[in-house]
Amino acid sequence: MNNQFKLVVPKTNLDFKRYFFVRWSILRKPWGQRMGTEIDEFEDEAYHIMGIDSKERVFAVGRIHNISSNIAQIRYMAVLEKHNKLGYGTQVLKLLEIYAISNQISKIVLNSRESAIDFYIKNGYKKIKQVDRLFGEINHWFMEKEIK
């Protein structure tokens, strides 16, 4: 793993512009979705993390938001393909979990694309049931993890 990177909370408008662009380019663009579809109504209340390299390029993103007083949902986890399987996704996930624990969250839920199920299982999440099918072709599974 290249140690010339850092994980940060986006703060400025430029940070968020770059953060959302990576989310869109990985999670929406390949299915012909327009820019803006990577943003939802929970952005302002969510906690965001992004990985940036030594040239300040964003290559990993993730977000968590509360859905009840003790349950939070992770959404929009993504790592650029050339950075996959190097541990960056796990580091983003761990920071989101630390945030949840520090905010008295006891359970994290998420909907995982089939291609990411093994990643979440490796990180302690349990596959519960199949849920929606995004863009008519991407199967998702509801997963959860009890945290302390």
N, C-alpha and C. Protein backbone atom coordinates (compact mmCIF):
# COMPACT_ATOMS: atom_id res chain seq x y z
N MET A 1 0.84 -1.18 0.00
CA MET A 1 0.00 0.00 0.00
C MET A 1 0.88 1.24 0.00
N ASN A 2 0.54 2.18 -0.84
CA ASN A 2 1.27 3.44 -0.92
C ASN A 2 0.94 4.26 0.33
N ASN A 3 1.95 4.71 1.06
CA ASN A 3 1.66 5.51 2.24
C ASN A 3 1.66 7.00 1.94
N GLN A 4 1.60 7.37 0.69
CA GLN A 4 1.52 8.77 0.27
C GLN A 4 0.05 9.15 0.07
N PHE A 5 -0.76 8.94 1.07
CA PHE A 5 -2.17 9.28 0.99
C PHE A 5 -2.65 9.71 2.37
N LYS A 6 -3.82 10.31 2.40
CA LYS A 6 -4.44 10.62 3.68
C LYS A 6 -5.95 10.50 3.54
N LEU A 7 -6.59 10.21 4.65
CA LEU A 7 -8.04 10.17 4.72
C LEU A 7 -8.49 11.42 5.45
N VAL A 8 -9.40 12.15 4.83
CA VAL A 8 -9.83 13.43 5.39
C VAL A 8 -11.35 13.58 5.28
N VAL A 9 -11.86 14.47 6.08
CA VAL A 9 -13.26 14.86 5.99
C VAL A 9 -13.33 16.03 5.01
N PRO A 10 -14.11 15.91 3.93
CA PRO A 10 -14.23 17.06 3.03
C PRO A 10 -14.88 18.23 3.76
N LYS A 11 -14.34 19.43 3.54
CA LYS A 11 -14.85 20.60 4.26
C LYS A 11 -15.27 21.74 3.33
N THR A 12 -14.49 21.98 2.31
CA THR A 12 -14.76 23.12 1.43
C THR A 12 -15.67 22.71 0.27
N ASN A 13 -16.19 23.70 -0.44
CA ASN A 13 -17.00 23.41 -1.63
C ASN A 13 -16.18 22.64 -2.66
N LEU A 14 -14.90 23.00 -2.81
CA LEU A 14 -14.04 22.29 -3.75
C LEU A 14 -13.83 20.83 -3.32
N ASP A 15 -13.62 20.62 -2.02
CA ASP A 15 -13.50 19.24 -1.51
C ASP A 15 -14.73 18.43 -1.91
N PHE A 16 -15.91 18.98 -1.64
CA PHE A 16 -17.14 18.24 -1.93
C PHE A 16 -17.35 18.06 -3.43
N LYS A 17 -16.96 19.02 -4.22
CA LYS A 17 -17.08 18.88 -5.67
C LYS A 17 -16.24 17.69 -6.14
N ARG A 18 -15.02 17.60 -5.67
CA ARG A 18 -14.13 16.49 -6.04
C ARG A 18 -14.64 15.16 -5.48
N TYR A 19 -15.12 15.18 -4.26
CA TYR A 19 -15.67 14.00 -3.59
C TYR A 19 -16.87 13.46 -4.36
N PHE A 20 -17.82 14.33 -4.70
CA PHE A 20 -19.01 13.89 -5.43
C PHE A 20 -18.67 13.43 -6.85
N PHE A 21 -17.66 14.04 -7.45
CA PHE A 21 -17.27 13.61 -8.79
C PHE A 21 -16.78 12.16 -8.78
N VAL A 22 -15.98 11.80 -7.78
CA VAL A 22 -15.51 10.42 -7.68
C VAL A 22 -16.69 9.48 -7.43
N ARG A 23 -17.60 9.86 -6.56
CA ARG A 23 -18.80 9.04 -6.31
C ARG A 23 -19.57 8.81 -7.60
N TRP A 24 -19.79 9.88 -8.33
CA TRP A 24 -20.53 9.77 -9.60
C TRP A 24 -19.76 8.91 -10.60
N SER A 25 -18.46 9.16 -10.75
CA SER A 25 -17.70 8.46 -11.79
C SER A 25 -17.62 6.96 -11.55
N ILE A 26 -17.66 6.51 -10.29
CA ILE A 26 -17.58 5.08 -9.98
C ILE A 26 -18.97 4.45 -9.88
N LEU A 27 -19.88 5.13 -9.21
CA LEU A 27 -21.16 4.51 -8.86
C LEU A 27 -22.32 4.85 -9.78
N ARG A 28 -22.19 5.85 -10.63
CA ARG A 28 -23.31 6.25 -11.48
C ARG A 28 -22.97 6.32 -12.97
N LYS A 29 -21.86 6.94 -13.31
CA LYS A 29 -21.50 7.14 -14.71
C LYS A 29 -21.48 5.85 -15.54
N PRO A 30 -20.92 4.75 -15.03
CA PRO A 30 -20.89 3.53 -15.84
C PRO A 30 -22.27 3.01 -16.26
N TRP A 31 -23.32 3.47 -15.61
CA TRP A 31 -24.68 3.06 -15.94
C TRP A 31 -25.46 4.18 -16.61
N GLY A 32 -24.74 5.16 -17.13
CA GLY A 32 -25.37 6.22 -17.89
C GLY A 32 -26.16 7.22 -17.07
N GLN A 33 -25.88 7.29 -15.79
CA GLN A 33 -26.61 8.21 -14.91
C GLN A 33 -25.98 9.61 -14.96
N ARG A 34 -26.80 10.62 -14.90
CA ARG A 34 -26.33 12.00 -14.98
C ARG A 34 -25.71 12.43 -13.65
N MET A 35 -24.84 13.43 -13.73
CA MET A 35 -24.27 14.01 -12.51
C MET A 35 -25.42 14.57 -11.67
N GLY A 36 -25.29 14.38 -10.38
CA GLY A 36 -26.33 14.81 -9.45
C GLY A 36 -27.06 13.61 -8.86
N THR A 37 -27.06 12.48 -9.56
CA THR A 37 -27.73 11.29 -9.05
C THR A 37 -26.94 10.63 -7.91
N GLU A 38 -25.71 11.07 -7.71
CA GLU A 38 -24.87 10.54 -6.63
C GLU A 38 -25.08 11.30 -5.32
N ILE A 39 -25.99 12.25 -5.32
CA ILE A 39 -26.26 13.09 -4.15
C ILE A 39 -27.69 12.84 -3.69
N ASP A 40 -27.88 12.74 -2.36
CA ASP A 40 -29.24 12.56 -1.84
C ASP A 40 -29.53 13.57 -0.73
N GLU A 41 -30.69 13.41 -0.13
CA GLU A 41 -31.17 14.39 0.86
C GLU A 41 -30.45 14.30 2.21
N PHE A 42 -29.58 13.33 2.43
CA PHE A 42 -28.91 13.18 3.71
C PHE A 42 -27.49 13.74 3.75
N GLU A 43 -27.03 14.36 2.68
CA GLU A 43 -25.64 14.82 2.60
C GLU A 43 -25.26 15.77 3.73
N ASP A 44 -26.13 16.73 4.04
CA ASP A 44 -25.78 17.73 5.05
C ASP A 44 -25.69 17.17 6.46
N GLU A 45 -26.41 16.09 6.74
CA GLU A 45 -26.36 15.51 8.08
C GLU A 45 -25.41 14.32 8.17
N ALA A 46 -24.82 13.92 7.06
CA ALA A 46 -23.95 12.75 7.02
C ALA A 46 -22.51 13.12 7.37
N TYR A 47 -21.75 12.09 7.70
CA TYR A 47 -20.32 12.21 7.94
C TYR A 47 -19.62 11.58 6.74
N HIS A 48 -18.73 12.33 6.10
CA HIS A 48 -18.08 11.93 4.87
C HIS A 48 -16.58 11.75 5.09
N ILE A 49 -16.00 10.77 4.38
CA ILE A 49 -14.55 10.56 4.38
C ILE A 49 -14.10 10.42 2.93
N MET A 50 -12.93 11.00 2.63
CA MET A 50 -12.36 10.79 1.30
C MET A 50 -10.86 10.53 1.43
N GLY A 51 -10.37 9.66 0.57
CA GLY A 51 -8.95 9.39 0.48
C GLY A 51 -8.36 10.26 -0.62
N ILE A 52 -7.25 10.91 -0.31
CA ILE A 52 -6.58 11.72 -1.33
C ILE A 52 -5.11 11.29 -1.39
N ASP A 53 -4.58 11.31 -2.61
CA ASP A 53 -3.19 10.88 -2.80
C ASP A 53 -2.24 12.07 -2.65
N SER A 54 -0.97 11.82 -2.90
CA SER A 54 0.05 12.85 -2.70
C SER A 54 -0.12 14.04 -3.64
N LYS A 55 -0.88 13.86 -4.72
CA LYS A 55 -1.15 14.97 -5.65
C LYS A 55 -2.53 15.57 -5.43
N GLU A 56 -3.12 15.26 -4.24
CA GLU A 56 -4.41 15.80 -3.83
C GLU A 56 -5.57 15.30 -4.70
N ARG A 57 -5.40 14.14 -5.33
CA ARG A 57 -6.48 13.55 -6.13
C ARG A 57 -7.30 12.63 -5.24
N VAL A 58 -8.61 12.76 -5.33
CA VAL A 58 -9.51 11.91 -4.54
C VAL A 58 -9.58 10.54 -5.21
N PHE A 59 -9.41 9.48 -4.42
CA PHE A 59 -9.48 8.12 -4.98
C PHE A 59 -10.38 7.18 -4.19
N ALA A 60 -10.89 7.63 -3.03
CA ALA A 60 -11.79 6.80 -2.23
C ALA A 60 -12.78 7.70 -1.51
N VAL A 61 -14.01 7.20 -1.38
CA VAL A 61 -15.05 7.97 -0.70
C VAL A 61 -15.95 7.04 0.11
N GLY A 62 -16.59 7.59 1.11
CA GLY A 62 -17.56 6.86 1.91
C GLY A 62 -18.34 7.81 2.78
N ARG A 63 -19.55 7.36 3.16
CA ARG A 63 -20.43 8.23 3.93
C ARG A 63 -21.27 7.40 4.90
N ILE A 64 -21.58 8.00 6.05
CA ILE A 64 -22.48 7.38 7.01
C ILE A 64 -23.46 8.43 7.51
N HIS A 65 -24.70 8.01 7.74
CA HIS A 65 -25.70 8.91 8.33
C HIS A 65 -26.63 8.11 9.23
N ASN A 66 -27.15 8.75 10.25
CA ASN A 66 -28.07 8.10 11.18
C ASN A 66 -29.41 7.86 10.51
N ILE A 67 -29.98 6.69 10.81
CA ILE A 67 -31.36 6.44 10.37
C ILE A 67 -32.29 6.29 11.58
N SER A 68 -31.70 6.18 12.77
CA SER A 68 -32.43 6.23 14.03
C SER A 68 -31.43 6.64 15.10
N SER A 69 -31.86 6.64 16.36
CA SER A 69 -30.96 7.10 17.42
C SER A 69 -29.75 6.19 17.61
N ASN A 70 -29.86 4.91 17.26
CA ASN A 70 -28.73 4.01 17.46
C ASN A 70 -28.37 3.16 16.24
N ILE A 71 -28.92 3.50 15.08
CA ILE A 71 -28.61 2.79 13.84
C ILE A 71 -28.19 3.81 12.79
N ALA A 72 -27.09 3.48 12.10
CA ALA A 72 -26.61 4.34 11.01
C ALA A 72 -26.47 3.51 9.74
N GLN A 73 -26.50 4.20 8.61
CA GLN A 73 -26.36 3.54 7.32
C GLN A 73 -25.13 4.07 6.59
N ILE A 74 -24.33 3.14 6.07
CA ILE A 74 -23.21 3.51 5.21
C ILE A 74 -23.72 3.47 3.78
N ARG A 75 -23.36 4.50 3.02
CA ARG A 75 -23.73 4.56 1.61
C ARG A 75 -22.56 5.13 0.81
N TYR A 76 -22.60 4.90 -0.47
CA TYR A 76 -21.67 5.52 -1.42
C TYR A 76 -20.21 5.22 -1.14
N MET A 77 -19.91 4.01 -0.70
CA MET A 77 -18.51 3.59 -0.55
C MET A 77 -17.98 3.30 -1.95
N ALA A 78 -16.82 3.85 -2.27
CA ALA A 78 -16.22 3.60 -3.59
C ALA A 78 -14.73 3.90 -3.55
N VAL A 79 -13.99 3.09 -4.30
CA VAL A 79 -12.55 3.28 -4.45
C VAL A 79 -12.24 3.15 -5.94
N LEU A 80 -11.47 4.10 -6.47
CA LEU A 80 -11.10 4.00 -7.88
C LEU A 80 -10.45 2.66 -8.17
N GLU A 81 -10.72 2.10 -9.33
CA GLU A 81 -10.29 0.74 -9.66
C GLU A 81 -8.80 0.50 -9.46
N LYS A 82 -7.96 1.46 -9.85
CA LYS A 82 -6.52 1.23 -9.72
C LYS A 82 -6.06 1.20 -8.26
N HIS A 83 -6.93 1.58 -7.33
CA HIS A 83 -6.61 1.55 -5.91
C HIS A 83 -7.33 0.42 -5.18
N ASN A 84 -8.11 -0.39 -5.90
CA ASN A 84 -8.84 -1.50 -5.29
C ASN A 84 -7.89 -2.55 -4.72
N LYS A 85 -8.38 -3.21 -3.69
CA LYS A 85 -7.68 -4.34 -3.07
C LYS A 85 -6.33 -3.97 -2.47
N LEU A 86 -6.19 -2.70 -2.06
CA LEU A 86 -4.97 -2.24 -1.41
C LEU A 86 -5.21 -1.82 0.05
N GLY A 87 -6.43 -2.02 0.54
CA GLY A 87 -6.75 -1.71 1.93
C GLY A 87 -7.36 -0.34 2.16
N TYR A 88 -7.49 0.46 1.13
CA TYR A 88 -8.04 1.81 1.31
C TYR A 88 -9.51 1.78 1.70
N GLY A 89 -10.28 0.90 1.06
CA GLY A 89 -11.70 0.79 1.40
C GLY A 89 -11.90 0.40 2.85
N THR A 90 -11.08 -0.52 3.33
CA THR A 90 -11.16 -0.94 4.73
C THR A 90 -10.84 0.23 5.65
N GLN A 91 -9.86 1.03 5.29
CA GLN A 91 -9.52 2.17 6.13
C GLN A 91 -10.65 3.21 6.17
N VAL A 92 -11.29 3.46 5.02
CA VAL A 92 -12.45 4.37 5.00
C VAL A 92 -13.55 3.79 5.87
N LEU A 93 -13.84 2.50 5.70
CA LEU A 93 -14.89 1.84 6.48
C LEU A 93 -14.61 1.94 7.98
N LYS A 94 -13.37 1.70 8.38
CA LYS A 94 -13.03 1.76 9.81
C LYS A 94 -13.24 3.16 10.38
N LEU A 95 -12.90 4.19 9.62
CA LEU A 95 -13.14 5.56 10.10
C LEU A 95 -14.63 5.86 10.24
N LEU A 96 -15.43 5.35 9.31
CA LEU A 96 -16.88 5.53 9.42
C LEU A 96 -17.41 4.80 10.66
N GLU A 97 -16.87 3.62 10.94
CA GLU A 97 -17.29 2.86 12.13
C GLU A 97 -16.86 3.58 13.41
N ILE A 98 -15.66 4.13 13.42
CA ILE A 98 -15.20 4.89 14.60
C ILE A 98 -16.12 6.08 14.85
N TYR A 99 -16.49 6.76 13.77
CA TYR A 99 -17.43 7.87 13.91
C TYR A 99 -18.75 7.38 14.52
N ALA A 100 -19.26 6.26 14.03
CA ALA A 100 -20.52 5.71 14.54
C ALA A 100 -20.41 5.39 16.02
N ILE A 101 -19.35 4.70 16.41
CA ILE A 101 -19.15 4.34 17.81
C ILE A 101 -19.10 5.59 18.68
N SER A 102 -18.39 6.62 18.23
CA SER A 102 -18.27 7.85 19.02
C SER A 102 -19.60 8.61 19.11
N ASN A 103 -20.57 8.21 18.29
CA ASN A 103 -21.89 8.84 18.33
C ASN A 103 -22.97 7.87 18.83
N GLN A 104 -22.56 6.91 19.65
CA GLN A 104 -23.45 5.97 20.32
C GLN A 104 -24.31 5.12 19.36
N ILE A 105 -23.77 4.84 18.20
CA ILE A 105 -24.45 3.95 17.25
C ILE A 105 -24.10 2.52 17.64
N SER A 106 -25.08 1.63 17.66
CA SER A 106 -24.82 0.23 18.02
C SER A 106 -24.94 -0.71 16.83
N LYS A 107 -25.52 -0.23 15.72
CA LYS A 107 -25.64 -1.07 14.54
C LYS A 107 -25.46 -0.23 13.29
N ILE A 108 -24.71 -0.78 12.33
CA ILE A 108 -24.55 -0.16 11.03
C ILE A 108 -25.19 -1.07 10.00
N VAL A 109 -25.96 -0.48 9.10
CA VAL A 109 -26.58 -1.22 8.01
C VAL A 109 -26.10 -0.63 6.69
N LEU A 110 -26.23 -1.43 5.63
CA LEU A 110 -25.87 -0.94 4.30
C LEU A 110 -26.48 -1.87 3.25
N ASN A 111 -26.55 -1.38 2.04
CA ASN A 111 -26.94 -2.19 0.88
C ASN A 111 -25.71 -2.33 0.01
N SER A 112 -25.21 -3.55 -0.09
CA SER A 112 -23.98 -3.81 -0.83
C SER A 112 -24.27 -4.33 -2.22
N ARG A 113 -23.53 -3.82 -3.19
CA ARG A 113 -23.55 -4.45 -4.50
C ARG A 113 -22.96 -5.84 -4.35
N GLU A 114 -23.40 -6.78 -5.19
CA GLU A 114 -22.89 -8.14 -5.11
C GLU A 114 -21.37 -8.19 -5.18
N SER A 115 -20.79 -7.32 -5.98
CA SER A 115 -19.34 -7.31 -6.15
C SER A 115 -18.58 -6.92 -4.88
N ALA A 116 -19.26 -6.32 -3.90
CA ALA A 116 -18.59 -5.87 -2.67
C ALA A 116 -18.95 -6.71 -1.44
N ILE A 117 -19.77 -7.73 -1.61
CA ILE A 117 -20.21 -8.52 -0.45
C ILE A 117 -19.03 -9.11 0.31
N ASP A 118 -18.07 -9.70 -0.38
CA ASP A 118 -16.93 -10.31 0.30
C ASP A 118 -16.13 -9.28 1.09
N PHE A 119 -16.00 -8.08 0.56
CA PHE A 119 -15.31 -7.00 1.27
C PHE A 119 -16.00 -6.73 2.61
N TYR A 120 -17.32 -6.59 2.60
CA TYR A 120 -18.03 -6.30 3.84
C TYR A 120 -18.01 -7.48 4.80
N ILE A 121 -18.14 -8.70 4.30
CA ILE A 121 -18.06 -9.88 5.17
C ILE A 121 -16.69 -9.93 5.84
N LYS A 122 -15.64 -9.67 5.09
CA LYS A 122 -14.27 -9.65 5.65
C LYS A 122 -14.16 -8.62 6.78
N ASN A 123 -14.98 -7.57 6.71
CA ASN A 123 -14.95 -6.52 7.72
C ASN A 123 -16.04 -6.67 8.78
N GLY A 124 -16.62 -7.88 8.88
CA GLY A 124 -17.52 -8.19 9.98
C GLY A 124 -19.00 -7.98 9.74
N TYR A 125 -19.39 -7.68 8.52
CA TYR A 125 -20.81 -7.47 8.21
C TYR A 125 -21.46 -8.80 7.85
N LYS A 126 -22.75 -8.91 8.16
CA LYS A 126 -23.51 -10.12 7.85
C LYS A 126 -24.48 -9.83 6.72
N LYS A 127 -24.53 -10.74 5.77
CA LYS A 127 -25.47 -10.65 4.65
C LYS A 127 -26.83 -11.11 5.15
N ILE A 128 -27.84 -10.26 5.02
CA ILE A 128 -29.17 -10.56 5.55
C ILE A 128 -30.14 -11.00 4.46
N LYS A 129 -30.33 -10.16 3.45
CA LYS A 129 -31.28 -10.52 2.39
C LYS A 129 -31.03 -9.68 1.15
N GLN A 130 -31.45 -10.22 0.02
CA GLN A 130 -31.35 -9.46 -1.23
C GLN A 130 -32.40 -8.36 -1.22
N VAL A 131 -32.00 -7.20 -1.70
CA VAL A 131 -32.94 -6.06 -1.74
C VAL A 131 -33.09 -5.58 -3.18
N ASP A 132 -32.93 -4.32 -3.41
CA ASP A 132 -33.22 -3.73 -4.72
C ASP A 132 -32.22 -4.10 -5.80
N ARG A 133 -32.61 -3.79 -7.00
CA ARG A 133 -31.75 -4.00 -8.17
C ARG A 133 -31.57 -2.63 -8.83
N LEU A 134 -30.38 -2.07 -8.68
CA LEU A 134 -30.10 -0.72 -9.16
C LEU A 134 -29.88 -0.72 -10.67
N PHE A 135 -30.50 0.24 -11.34
CA PHE A 135 -30.38 0.42 -12.79
C PHE A 135 -30.78 -0.85 -13.54
N GLY A 136 -31.61 -1.67 -12.92
CA GLY A 136 -32.11 -2.87 -13.55
C GLY A 136 -31.11 -4.00 -13.67
N GLU A 137 -29.89 -3.82 -13.15
CA GLU A 137 -28.89 -4.88 -13.34
C GLU A 137 -27.94 -5.11 -12.17
N ILE A 138 -27.89 -4.22 -11.18
CA ILE A 138 -26.92 -4.38 -10.09
C ILE A 138 -27.67 -4.86 -8.84
N ASN A 139 -27.51 -6.15 -8.53
CA ASN A 139 -28.15 -6.70 -7.34
C ASN A 139 -27.50 -6.14 -6.08
N HIS A 140 -28.32 -5.87 -5.09
CA HIS A 140 -27.86 -5.38 -3.80
C HIS A 140 -28.33 -6.30 -2.69
N TRP A 141 -27.53 -6.39 -1.64
CA TRP A 141 -27.86 -7.17 -0.47
C TRP A 141 -27.82 -6.28 0.76
N PHE A 142 -28.84 -6.42 1.60
CA PHE A 142 -28.89 -5.73 2.87
C PHE A 142 -27.93 -6.43 3.81
N MET A 143 -27.04 -5.67 4.44
CA MET A 143 -26.06 -6.20 5.37
C MET A 143 -26.07 -5.37 6.65
N GLU A 144 -25.58 -5.97 7.73
CA GLU A 144 -25.53 -5.23 8.99
C GLU A 144 -24.37 -5.71 9.85
N LYS A 145 -24.02 -4.84 10.81
CA LYS A 145 -22.95 -5.16 11.74
C LYS A 145 -23.28 -4.50 13.09
N GLU A 146 -23.24 -5.29 14.14
CA GLU A 146 -23.36 -4.76 15.49
C GLU A 146 -21.99 -4.20 15.87
N ILE A 147 -21.96 -3.00 16.42
CA ILE A 147 -20.68 -2.41 16.81
C ILE A 147 -20.73 -2.01 18.28
N LYS A 148 -19.58 -1.88 18.87
CA LYS A 148 -19.50 -1.51 20.29
C LYS A 148 -18.60 -0.30 20.44
